[in-house]
Structure formats: C-alpha cells, structure tokens
Amino acid sequence: MNSRLKAEHMDDLFNAILSLQTIDECYNFFEDLCTINELHAMEQRFQVARMLDRGQLYSEIVQETGASTATISRVNKCLTYGTDGYRTVIDRIKQEDE
C-alpha cells in the first residue's frame, strides 16, 4: 500500500467505490466525480496496461489507443515495479473470462 496515498478521506472514497453494485452505478458515480477527460485518461491507462500485459508493442499501443509513449512507459513501470494494482485487476479479469 502506498503510504503517501493512505488517508481517512481516501478510505471514504474507496469504500464508496466498493459500494457500487452495477455498471450503471459506476457510470453515474464516476460521471459525477470526474471530468470526462479524467475518465478517458483512466480508461486509456487501463487499456494500455491490458495491452502491455498481452505483450503488444508500444507502436501498436500508440496506434490503437492514441496514448503517448510517456504514458505507455509510465503504465509499464507500474506493471513492473508498482504496487500490483493493475496486476490484481488484470489477473481477476482473466480468471473471469476463462
């Protein structure tokens, strides 16, 4: 866990997210919480993480997502040296798809 991020109010936010039960509730909550650009940025980073996990090349990822190589490098660094947040979610999605 990232101690720089840990705080009571952050716990409140994450508990609110964990209380969401449907995709529609997620859309509604995140549309209220974030700007459209913030949501698109998060969506793009997650798409990049999944593509990197599949072994796709930076050039393919740039072409398909429009992400900069700096964004791709940042996501790759998180996948390799991060707190395993991406890894946890990607692995769970893979298990659900099987």
PDB file of N, CA and C in Angstrom:
ATOM      1  N   MET A   1       0.844  -1.183   0.000  1.00  0.00           N
ATOM      2  CA  MET A   1       0.000   0.000   0.000  1.00  0.00           C
ATOM      3  C   MET A   1       0.886   1.240   0.000  1.00  0.00           C
ATOM      4  N   ASN A   2       0.477   2.247  -0.742  1.00  0.00           N
ATOM      5  CA  ASN A   2       1.226   3.484  -0.857  1.00  0.00           C
ATOM      6  C   ASN A   2       0.897   4.381   0.337  1.00  0.00           C
ATOM      7  N   SER A   3       1.832   4.550   1.247  1.00  0.00           N
ATOM      8  CA  SER A   3       1.582   5.341   2.447  1.00  0.00           C
ATOM      9  C   SER A   3       1.355   6.816   2.139  1.00  0.00           C
ATOM     10  N   ARG A   4       1.840   7.308   1.007  1.00  0.00           N
ATOM     11  CA  ARG A   4       1.606   8.707   0.627  1.00  0.00           C
ATOM     12  C   ARG A   4       0.145   8.943   0.275  1.00  0.00           C
ATOM     13  N   LEU A   5      -0.546   7.891  -0.114  1.00  0.00           N
ATOM     14  CA  LEU A   5      -1.937   7.994  -0.531  1.00  0.00           C
ATOM     15  C   LEU A   5      -2.905   7.718   0.617  1.00  0.00           C
ATOM     16  N   LYS A   6      -2.489   6.934   1.574  1.00  0.00           N
ATOM     17  CA  LYS A   6      -3.348   6.473   2.654  1.00  0.00           C
ATOM     18  C   LYS A   6      -3.822   7.642   3.513  1.00  0.00           C
ATOM     19  N   ALA A   7      -5.140   7.777   3.610  1.00  0.00           N
ATOM     20  CA  ALA A   7      -5.745   8.829   4.433  1.00  0.00           C
ATOM     21  C   ALA A   7      -7.203   8.467   4.680  1.00  0.00           C
ATOM     22  N   GLU A   8      -7.746   8.995   5.748  1.00  0.00           N
ATOM     23  CA  GLU A   8      -9.128   8.685   6.120  1.00  0.00           C
ATOM     24  C   GLU A   8     -10.111   9.019   4.999  1.00  0.00           C
ATOM     25  N   HIS A   9      -9.961  10.181   4.417  1.00  0.00           N
ATOM     26  CA  HIS A   9     -10.903  10.586   3.368  1.00  0.00           C
ATOM     27  C   HIS A   9     -10.714   9.769   2.085  1.00  0.00           C
ATOM     28  N   MET A  10      -9.494   9.309   1.850  1.00  0.00           N
ATOM     29  CA  MET A  10      -9.261   8.429   0.709  1.00  0.00           C
ATOM     30  C   MET A  10      -9.945   7.087   0.965  1.00  0.00           C
ATOM     31  N   ASP A  11      -9.883   6.607   2.201  1.00  0.00           N
ATOM     32  CA  ASP A  11     -10.617   5.389   2.566  1.00  0.00           C
ATOM     33  C   ASP A  11     -12.105   5.572   2.296  1.00  0.00           C
ATOM     34  N   ASP A  12     -12.632   6.749   2.632  1.00  0.00           N
ATOM     35  CA  ASP A  12     -14.054   7.024   2.382  1.00  0.00           C
ATOM     36  C   ASP A  12     -14.369   6.913   0.897  1.00  0.00           C
ATOM     37  N   LEU A  13     -13.509   7.477   0.061  1.00  0.00           N
ATOM     38  CA  LEU A  13     -13.723   7.414  -1.383  1.00  0.00           C
ATOM     39  C   LEU A  13     -13.689   5.974  -1.867  1.00  0.00           C
ATOM     40  N   PHE A  14     -12.680   5.221  -1.455  1.00  0.00           N
ATOM     41  CA  PHE A  14     -12.560   3.838  -1.916  1.00  0.00           C
ATOM     42  C   PHE A  14     -13.701   2.972  -1.400  1.00  0.00           C
ATOM     43  N   ASN A  15     -14.154   3.218  -0.178  1.00  0.00           N
ATOM     44  CA  ASN A  15     -15.320   2.491   0.328  1.00  0.00           C
ATOM     45  C   ASN A  15     -16.573   2.833  -0.472  1.00  0.00           C
ATOM     46  N   ALA A  16     -16.698   4.082  -0.894  1.00  0.00           N
ATOM     47  CA  ALA A  16     -17.824   4.467  -1.750  1.00  0.00           C
ATOM     48  C   ALA A  16     -17.765   3.709  -3.067  1.00  0.00           C
ATOM     49  N   ILE A  17     -16.572   3.612  -3.656  1.00  0.00           N
ATOM     50  CA  ILE A  17     -16.402   2.880  -4.912  1.00  0.00           C
ATOM     51  C   ILE A  17     -16.745   1.408  -4.714  1.00  0.00           C
ATOM     52  N   LEU A  18     -16.285   0.831  -3.622  1.00  0.00           N
ATOM     53  CA  LEU A  18     -16.573  -0.579  -3.342  1.00  0.00           C
ATOM     54  C   LEU A  18     -18.064  -0.844  -3.127  1.00  0.00           C
ATOM     55  N   SER A  19     -18.821   0.184  -2.780  1.00  0.00           N
ATOM     56  CA  SER A  19     -20.266   0.003  -2.563  1.00  0.00           C
ATOM     57  C   SER A  19     -21.055  -0.050  -3.866  1.00  0.00           C
ATOM     58  N   LEU A  20     -20.435   0.349  -4.978  1.00  0.00           N
ATOM     59  CA  LEU A  20     -21.134   0.331  -6.264  1.00  0.00           C
ATOM     60  C   LEU A  20     -21.408  -1.106  -6.672  1.00  0.00           C
ATOM     61  N   GLN A  21     -22.622  -1.351  -7.187  1.00  0.00           N
ATOM     62  CA  GLN A  21     -23.021  -2.730  -7.458  1.00  0.00           C
ATOM     63  C   GLN A  21     -23.256  -3.037  -8.928  1.00  0.00           C
ATOM     64  N   THR A  22     -23.411  -2.030  -9.757  1.00  0.00           N
ATOM     65  CA  THR A  22     -23.673  -2.277 -11.180  1.00  0.00           C
ATOM     66  C   THR A  22     -22.823  -1.341 -12.037  1.00  0.00           C
ATOM     67  N   ILE A  23     -22.707  -1.704 -13.284  1.00  0.00           N
ATOM     68  CA  ILE A  23     -22.011  -0.835 -14.244  1.00  0.00           C
ATOM     69  C   ILE A  23     -22.693   0.521 -14.315  1.00  0.00           C
ATOM     70  N   ASP A  24     -24.027   0.536 -14.334  1.00  0.00           N
ATOM     71  CA  ASP A  24     -24.749   1.812 -14.387  1.00  0.00           C
ATOM     72  C   ASP A  24     -24.439   2.687 -13.176  1.00  0.00           C
ATOM     73  N   GLU A  25     -24.352   2.080 -11.991  1.00  0.00           N
ATOM     74  CA  GLU A  25     -23.988   2.847 -10.804  1.00  0.00           C
ATOM     75  C   GLU A  25     -22.579   3.411 -10.947  1.00  0.00           C
ATOM     76  N   CYS A  26     -21.672   2.630 -11.531  1.00  0.00           N
ATOM     77  CA  CYS A  26     -20.308   3.117 -11.772  1.00  0.00           C
ATOM     78  C   CYS A  26     -20.317   4.302 -12.721  1.00  0.00           C
ATOM     79  N   TYR A  27     -21.037   4.170 -13.834  1.00  0.00           N
ATOM     80  CA  TYR A  27     -21.122   5.288 -14.775  1.00  0.00           C
ATOM     81  C   TYR A  27     -21.643   6.536 -14.074  1.00  0.00           C
ATOM     82  N   ASN A  28     -22.713   6.406 -13.324  1.00  0.00           N
ATOM     83  CA  ASN A  28     -23.318   7.563 -12.657  1.00  0.00           C
ATOM     84  C   ASN A  28     -22.376   8.190 -11.637  1.00  0.00           C
ATOM     85  N   PHE A  29     -21.756   7.365 -10.801  1.00  0.00           N
ATOM     86  CA  PHE A  29     -20.870   7.883  -9.767  1.00  0.00           C
ATOM     87  C   PHE A  29     -19.647   8.564 -10.372  1.00  0.00           C
ATOM     88  N   PHE A  30     -18.994   7.873 -11.303  1.00  0.00           N
ATOM     89  CA  PHE A  30     -17.774   8.435 -11.865  1.00  0.00           C
ATOM     90  C   PHE A  30     -18.041   9.640 -12.758  1.00  0.00           C
ATOM     91  N   GLU A  31     -19.196   9.681 -13.389  1.00  0.00           N
ATOM     92  CA  GLU A  31     -19.525  10.871 -14.181  1.00  0.00           C
ATOM     93  C   GLU A  31     -19.729  12.083 -13.272  1.00  0.00           C
ATOM     94  N   ASP A  32     -20.284  11.852 -12.088  1.00  0.00           N
ATOM     95  CA  ASP A  32     -20.425  12.936 -11.115  1.00  0.00           C
ATOM     96  C   ASP A  32     -19.077  13.310 -10.500  1.00  0.00           C
ATOM     97  N   LEU A  33     -18.225  12.326 -10.269  1.00  0.00           N
ATOM     98  CA  LEU A  33     -16.972  12.531  -9.555  1.00  0.00           C
ATOM     99  C   LEU A  33     -15.879  13.140 -10.421  1.00  0.00           C
ATOM    100  N   CYS A  34     -15.789  12.702 -11.665  1.00  0.00           N
ATOM    101  CA  CYS A  34     -14.668  13.062 -12.531  1.00  0.00           C
ATOM    102  C   CYS A  34     -15.135  13.841 -13.753  1.00  0.00           C
ATOM    103  N   THR A  35     -14.185  14.542 -14.357  1.00  0.00           N
ATOM    104  CA  THR A  35     -14.471  15.137 -15.653  1.00  0.00           C
ATOM    105  C   THR A  35     -14.408  14.031 -16.708  1.00  0.00           C
ATOM    106  N   ILE A  36     -14.987  14.290 -17.857  1.00  0.00           N
ATOM    107  CA  ILE A  36     -14.935  13.323 -18.951  1.00  0.00           C
ATOM    108  C   ILE A  36     -13.480  13.050 -19.336  1.00  0.00           C
ATOM    109  N   ASN A  37     -12.647  14.096 -19.370  1.00  0.00           N
ATOM    110  CA  ASN A  37     -11.231  13.910 -19.714  1.00  0.00           C
ATOM    111  C   ASN A  37     -10.505  13.047 -18.689  1.00  0.00           C
ATOM    112  N   GLU A  38     -10.809  13.217 -17.407  1.00  0.00           N
ATOM    113  CA  GLU A  38     -10.187  12.375 -16.379  1.00  0.00           C
ATOM    114  C   GLU A  38     -10.584  10.918 -16.565  1.00  0.00           C
ATOM    115  N   LEU A  39     -11.855  10.682 -16.848  1.00  0.00           N
ATOM    116  CA  LEU A  39     -12.317   9.315 -17.064  1.00  0.00           C
ATOM    117  C   LEU A  39     -11.676   8.697 -18.297  1.00  0.00           C
ATOM    118  N   HIS A  40     -11.584   9.460 -19.367  1.00  0.00           N
ATOM    119  CA  HIS A  40     -10.941   8.944 -20.581  1.00  0.00           C
ATOM    120  C   HIS A  40      -9.460   8.640 -20.332  1.00  0.00           C
ATOM    121  N   ALA A  41      -8.791   9.464 -19.532  1.00  0.00           N
ATOM    122  CA  ALA A  41      -7.378   9.215 -19.214  1.00  0.00           C
ATOM    123  C   ALA A  41      -7.228   7.910 -18.431  1.00  0.00           C
ATOM    124  N   MET A  42      -8.111   7.678 -17.461  1.00  0.00           N
ATOM    125  CA  MET A  42      -8.048   6.422 -16.694  1.00  0.00           C
ATOM    126  C   MET A  42      -8.368   5.226 -17.575  1.00  0.00           C
ATOM    127  N   GLU A  43      -9.368   5.387 -18.427  1.00  0.00           N
ATOM    128  CA  GLU A  43      -9.733   4.318 -19.359  1.00  0.00           C
ATOM    129  C   GLU A  43      -8.550   3.973 -20.262  1.00  0.00           C
ATOM    130  N   GLN A  44      -7.895   5.001 -20.778  1.00  0.00           N
ATOM    131  CA  GLN A  44      -6.758   4.794 -21.675  1.00  0.00           C
ATOM    132  C   GLN A  44      -5.619   4.077 -20.955  1.00  0.00           C
ATOM    133  N   ARG A  45      -5.292   4.500 -19.735  1.00  0.00           N
ATOM    134  CA  ARG A  45      -4.200   3.860 -18.996  1.00  0.00           C
ATOM    135  C   ARG A  45      -4.506   2.395 -18.715  1.00  0.00           C
ATOM    136  N   PHE A  46      -5.760   2.086 -18.401  1.00  0.00           N
ATOM    137  CA  PHE A  46      -6.116   0.690 -18.141  1.00  0.00           C
ATOM    138  C   PHE A  46      -6.041  -0.129 -19.430  1.00  0.00           C
ATOM    139  N   GLN A  47      -6.487   0.446 -20.537  1.00  0.00           N
ATOM    140  CA  GLN A  47      -6.387  -0.242 -21.824  1.00  0.00           C
ATOM    141  C   GLN A  47      -4.916  -0.500 -22.160  1.00  0.00           C
ATOM    142  N   VAL A  48      -4.061   0.487 -21.920  1.00  0.00           N
ATOM    143  CA  VAL A  48      -2.624   0.331 -22.162  1.00  0.00           C
ATOM    144  C   VAL A  48      -2.067  -0.799 -21.298  1.00  0.00           C
ATOM    145  N   ALA A  49      -2.453  -0.857 -20.037  1.00  0.00           N
ATOM    146  CA  ALA A  49      -1.971  -1.911 -19.138  1.00  0.00           C
ATOM    147  C   ALA A  49      -2.357  -3.290 -19.658  1.00  0.00           C
ATOM    148  N   ARG A  50      -3.577  -3.434 -20.119  1.00  0.00           N
ATOM    149  CA  ARG A  50      -4.024  -4.731 -20.643  1.00  0.00           C
ATOM    150  C   ARG A  50      -3.257  -5.105 -21.910  1.00  0.00           C
ATOM    151  N   MET A  51      -2.987  -4.123 -22.760  1.00  0.00           N
ATOM    152  CA  MET A  51      -2.251  -4.387 -23.989  1.00  0.00           C
ATOM    153  C   MET A  51      -0.798  -4.750 -23.693  1.00  0.00           C
ATOM    154  N   LEU A  52      -0.189  -4.061 -22.733  1.00  0.00           N
ATOM    155  CA  LEU A  52       1.174  -4.400 -22.340  1.00  0.00           C
ATOM    156  C   LEU A  52       1.218  -5.809 -21.759  1.00  0.00           C
ATOM    157  N   ASP A  53       0.227  -6.149 -20.973  1.00  0.00           N
ATOM    158  CA  ASP A  53       0.152  -7.486 -20.388  1.00  0.00           C
ATOM    159  C   ASP A  53       0.069  -8.559 -21.468  1.00  0.00           C
ATOM    160  N   ARG A  54      -0.575  -8.239 -22.582  1.00  0.00           N
ATOM    161  CA  ARG A  54      -0.678  -9.188 -23.705  1.00  0.00           C
ATOM    162  C   ARG A  54       0.586  -9.202 -24.556  1.00  0.00           C
ATOM    163  N   GLY A  55       1.565  -8.347 -24.209  1.00  0.00           N
ATOM    164  CA  GLY A  55       2.829  -8.332 -24.927  1.00  0.00           C
ATOM    165  C   GLY A  55       2.827  -7.479 -26.189  1.00  0.00           C
ATOM    166  N   GLN A  56       1.855  -6.591 -26.314  1.00  0.00           N
ATOM    167  CA  GLN A  56       1.804  -5.760 -27.515  1.00  0.00           C
ATOM    168  C   GLN A  56       2.910  -4.711 -27.489  1.00  0.00           C
ATOM    169  N   LEU A  57       3.367  -4.334 -28.665  1.00  0.00           N
ATOM    170  CA  LEU A  57       4.436  -3.363 -28.822  1.00  0.00           C
ATOM    171  C   LEU A  57       3.931  -1.946 -28.593  1.00  0.00           C
ATOM    172  N   TYR A  58       4.845  -1.085 -28.146  1.00  0.00           N
ATOM    173  CA  TYR A  58       4.494   0.320 -27.932  1.00  0.00           C
ATOM    174  C   TYR A  58       3.849   0.924 -29.176  1.00  0.00           C
ATOM    175  N   SER A  59       4.414   0.642 -30.344  1.00  0.00           N
ATOM    176  CA  SER A  59       3.889   1.232 -31.583  1.00  0.00           C
ATOM    177  C   SER A  59       2.441   0.816 -31.833  1.00  0.00           C
ATOM    178  N   GLU A  60       2.111  -0.425 -31.531  1.00  0.00           N
ATOM    179  CA  GLU A  60       0.726  -0.899 -31.676  1.00  0.00           C
ATOM    180  C   GLU A  60      -0.192  -0.190 -30.686  1.00  0.00           C
ATOM    181  N   ILE A  61       0.309  -0.023 -29.466  1.00  0.00           N
ATOM    182  CA  ILE A  61      -0.497   0.606 -28.421  1.00  0.00           C
ATOM    183  C   ILE A  61      -0.754   2.071 -28.760  1.00  0.00           C
ATOM    184  N   VAL A  62       0.277   2.767 -29.226  1.00  0.00           N
ATOM    185  CA  VAL A  62       0.122   4.168 -29.637  1.00  0.00           C
ATOM    186  C   VAL A  62      -0.938   4.273 -30.721  1.00  0.00           C
ATOM    187  N   GLN A  63      -0.840   3.406 -31.712  1.00  0.00           N
ATOM    188  CA  GLN A  63      -1.768   3.463 -32.838  1.00  0.00           C
ATOM    189  C   GLN A  63      -3.209   3.177 -32.403  1.00  0.00           C
ATOM    190  N   GLU A  64      -3.388   2.169 -31.559  1.00  0.00           N
ATOM    191  CA  GLU A  64      -4.745   1.769 -31.172  1.00  0.00           C
ATOM    192  C   GLU A  64      -5.369   2.688 -30.134  1.00  0.00           C
ATOM    193  N   THR A  65      -4.561   3.206 -29.198  1.00  0.00           N
ATOM    194  CA  THR A  65      -5.128   3.975 -28.086  1.00  0.00           C
ATOM    195  C   THR A  65      -4.930   5.476 -28.207  1.00  0.00           C
ATOM    196  N   GLY A  66      -3.917   5.880 -28.958  1.00  0.00           N
ATOM    197  CA  GLY A  66      -3.578   7.293 -29.013  1.00  0.00           C
ATOM    198  C   GLY A  66      -2.758   7.747 -27.809  1.00  0.00           C
ATOM    199  N   ALA A  67      -2.392   6.812 -26.945  1.00  0.00           N
ATOM    200  CA  ALA A  67      -1.589   7.147 -25.765  1.00  0.00           C
ATOM    201  C   ALA A  67      -0.182   7.542 -26.199  1.00  0.00           C
ATOM    202  N   SER A  68       0.408   8.460 -25.456  1.00  0.00           N
ATOM    203  CA  SER A  68       1.790   8.845 -25.740  1.00  0.00           C
ATOM    204  C   SER A  68       2.726   7.746 -25.252  1.00  0.00           C
ATOM    205  N   THR A  69       3.937   7.746 -25.789  1.00  0.00           N
ATOM    206  CA  THR A  69       4.916   6.767 -25.329  1.00  0.00           C
ATOM    207  C   THR A  69       5.267   7.019 -23.860  1.00  0.00           C
ATOM    208  N   ALA A  70       5.171   8.262 -23.410  1.00  0.00           N
ATOM    209  CA  ALA A  70       5.417   8.563 -21.999  1.00  0.00           C
ATOM    210  C   ALA A  70       4.360   7.903 -21.109  1.00  0.00           C
ATOM    211  N   THR A  71       3.104   7.954 -21.538  1.00  0.00           N
ATOM    212  CA  THR A  71       2.029   7.299 -20.782  1.00  0.00           C
ATOM    213  C   THR A  71       2.231   5.792 -20.774  1.00  0.00           C
ATOM    214  N   ILE A  72       2.576   5.246 -21.922  1.00  0.00           N
ATOM    215  CA  ILE A  72       2.798   3.805 -22.013  1.00  0.00           C
ATOM    216  C   ILE A  72       3.958   3.396 -21.110  1.00  0.00           C
ATOM    217  N   SER A  73       5.030   4.161 -21.103  1.00  0.00           N
ATOM    218  CA  SER A  73       6.177   3.873 -20.246  1.00  0.00           C
ATOM    219  C   SER A  73       5.793   3.939 -18.770  1.00  0.00           C
ATOM    220  N   ARG A  74       4.995   4.922 -18.417  1.00  0.00           N
ATOM    221  CA  ARG A  74       4.550   5.075 -17.017  1.00  0.00           C
ATOM    222  C   ARG A  74       3.719   3.876 -16.592  1.00  0.00           C
ATOM    223  N   VAL A  75       2.794   3.458 -17.444  1.00  0.00           N
ATOM    224  CA  VAL A  75       1.959   2.292 -17.127  1.00  0.00           C
ATOM    225  C   VAL A  75       2.827   1.045 -17.036  1.00  0.00           C
ATOM    226  N   ASN A  76       3.775   0.903 -17.966  1.00  0.00           N
ATOM    227  CA  ASN A  76       4.668  -0.248 -17.949  1.00  0.00           C
ATOM    228  C   ASN A  76       5.487  -0.287 -16.660  1.00  0.00           C
ATOM    229  N   LYS A  77       5.948   0.872 -16.212  1.00  0.00           N
ATOM    230  CA  LYS A  77       6.693   0.955 -14.954  1.00  0.00           C
ATOM    231  C   LYS A  77       5.814   0.492 -13.791  1.00  0.00           C
ATOM    232  N   CYS A  78       4.565   0.901 -13.786  1.00  0.00           N
ATOM    233  CA  CYS A  78       3.642   0.474 -12.729  1.00  0.00           C
ATOM    234  C   CYS A  78       3.401  -1.029 -12.779  1.00  0.00           C
ATOM    235  N   LEU A  79       3.272  -1.573 -13.981  1.00  0.00           N
ATOM    236  CA  LEU A  79       3.084  -3.024 -14.115  1.00  0.00           C
ATOM    237  C   LEU A  79       4.299  -3.789 -13.607  1.00  0.00           C
ATOM    238  N   THR A  80       5.472  -3.246 -13.842  1.00  0.00           N
ATOM    239  CA  THR A  80       6.708  -3.935 -13.491  1.00  0.00           C
ATOM    240  C   THR A  80       7.135  -3.685 -12.045  1.00  0.00           C
ATOM    241  N   TYR A  81       7.044  -2.447 -11.598  1.00  0.00           N
ATOM    242  CA  TYR A  81       7.599  -2.076 -10.291  1.00  0.00           C
ATOM    243  C   TYR A  81       6.575  -1.492  -9.331  1.00  0.00           C
ATOM    244  N   GLY A  82       5.322  -1.432  -9.741  1.00  0.00           N
ATOM    245  CA  GLY A  82       4.297  -0.770  -8.938  1.00  0.00           C
ATOM    246  C   GLY A  82       3.797  -1.611  -7.782  1.00  0.00           C
ATOM    247  N   THR A  83       2.628  -1.267  -7.309  1.00  0.00           N
ATOM    248  CA  THR A  83       2.036  -1.908  -6.134  1.00  0.00           C
ATOM    249  C   THR A  83       1.135  -3.083  -6.488  1.00  0.00           C
ATOM    250  N   ASP A  84       1.183  -3.514  -7.734  1.00  0.00           N
ATOM    251  CA  ASP A  84       0.394  -4.641  -8.250  1.00  0.00           C
ATOM    252  C   ASP A  84      -1.098  -4.344  -8.363  1.00  0.00           C
ATOM    253  N   GLY A  85      -1.453  -3.077  -8.401  1.00  0.00           N
ATOM    254  CA  GLY A  85      -2.854  -2.711  -8.597  1.00  0.00           C
ATOM    255  C   GLY A  85      -3.364  -3.157  -9.957  1.00  0.00           C
ATOM    256  N   TYR A  86      -2.631  -2.802 -11.009  1.00  0.00           N
ATOM    257  CA  TYR A  86      -3.011  -3.258 -12.348  1.00  0.00           C
ATOM    258  C   TYR A  86      -3.028  -4.782 -12.404  1.00  0.00           C
ATOM    259  N   ARG A  87      -1.965  -5.392 -11.874  1.00  0.00           N
ATOM    260  CA  ARG A  87      -1.824  -6.847 -11.942  1.00  0.00           C
ATOM    261  C   ARG A  87      -3.012  -7.549 -11.283  1.00  0.00           C
ATOM    262  N   THR A  88      -3.423  -7.083 -10.126  1.00  0.00           N
ATOM    263  CA  THR A  88      -4.545  -7.693  -9.411  1.00  0.00           C
ATOM    264  C   THR A  88      -5.799  -7.689 -10.271  1.00  0.00           C
ATOM    265  N   VAL A  89      -6.108  -6.539 -10.839  1.00  0.00           N
ATOM    266  CA  VAL A  89      -7.334  -6.403 -11.625  1.00  0.00           C
ATOM    267  C   VAL A  89      -7.242  -7.179 -12.935  1.00  0.00           C
ATOM    268  N   ILE A  90      -6.121  -7.083 -13.622  1.00  0.00           N
ATOM    269  CA  ILE A  90      -5.954  -7.797 -14.894  1.00  0.00           C
ATOM    270  C   ILE A  90      -6.065  -9.299 -14.677  1.00  0.00           C
ATOM    271  N   ASP A  91      -5.421  -9.811 -13.644  1.00  0.00           N
ATOM    272  CA  ASP A  91      -5.497 -11.250 -13.374  1.00  0.00           C
ATOM    273  C   ASP A  91      -6.914 -11.688 -13.023  1.00  0.00           C
ATOM    274  N   ARG A  92      -7.635 -10.880 -12.271  1.00  0.00           N
ATOM    275  CA  ARG A  92      -9.025 -11.225 -11.938  1.00  0.00           C
ATOM    276  C   ARG A  92      -9.905 -11.237 -13.175  1.00  0.00           C
ATOM    277  N   ILE A  93      -9.704 -10.283 -14.057  1.00  0.00           N
ATOM    278  CA  ILE A  93     -10.488 -10.236 -15.292  1.00  0.00           C
ATOM    279  C   ILE A  93     -10.183 -11.475 -16.145  1.00  0.00           C
ATOM    280  N   LYS A  94      -8.919 -11.848 -16.218  1.00  0.00           N
ATOM    281  CA  LYS A  94      -8.546 -13.050 -16.972  1.00  0.00           C
ATOM    282  C   LYS A  94      -9.230 -14.278 -16.401  1.00  0.00           C
ATOM    283  N   GLN A  95      -9.274 -14.420 -15.084  1.00  0.00           N
ATOM    284  CA  GLN A  95      -9.925 -15.568 -14.454  1.00  0.00           C
ATOM    285  C   GLN A  95     -11.420 -15.587 -14.767  1.00  0.00           C
ATOM    286  N   GLU A  96     -12.053 -14.419 -14.743  1.00  0.00           N
ATOM    287  CA  GLU A  96     -13.484 -14.346 -15.049  1.00  0.00           C
ATOM    288  C   GLU A  96     -13.769 -14.710 -16.498  1.00  0.00           C
ATOM    289  N   ASP A  97     -12.823 -14.379 -17.391  1.00  0.00           N
ATOM    290  CA  ASP A  97     -13.011 -14.670 -18.816  1.00  0.00           C
ATOM    291  C   ASP A  97     -12.822 -16.144 -19.152  1.00  0.00           C
ATOM    292  N   GLU A  98     -12.173 -16.883 -18.259  1.00  0.00           N
ATOM    293  CA  GLU A  98     -11.916 -18.318 -18.529  1.00  0.00           C
ATOM    294  C   GLU A  98     -13.128 -19.169 -18.262  1.00  0.00           C
TER     295      GLU A  98
END
